[in-house]
Amino acid sequence: MKNINWARKLTSRKFWAAVVGFVTPIMTIAQVPDNTAVQVTAIIMAGGTLIAYIIGEGMTDVANIETNGNEEEK
C-alpha cells in the first residue's frame, strides 16, 4: 500500500475544489440556506489557500536549507 503524500495533497487546488464539490451538495441536501453555503465554501477555499501557502513555503525553506546547508558561511 502506498503512503499518501499529504503535503502535496494539501497544496493541490484540485483537492480543495474536490472538498468544496463534496461539501456543497451535502449542504444542499441538508437544506442549508444559500448564504450559509456560500460562506462555508469561501471559508474552505480561504483555508485551503492558507494551508497550501504555508506548506509550500515550508517545502521551499527545506529545499533551500538542503541546498545551502553544506556551504560554509562567508
Foldseek 3Di string as FASTA:
>chain_A
DDDDPVLVLLLDPVNLVVVLVVVLVVCVVVVPDPVVNVVVNVVSVVVSNVSNVVSVVVVVVVVVCVVCVVDDDD
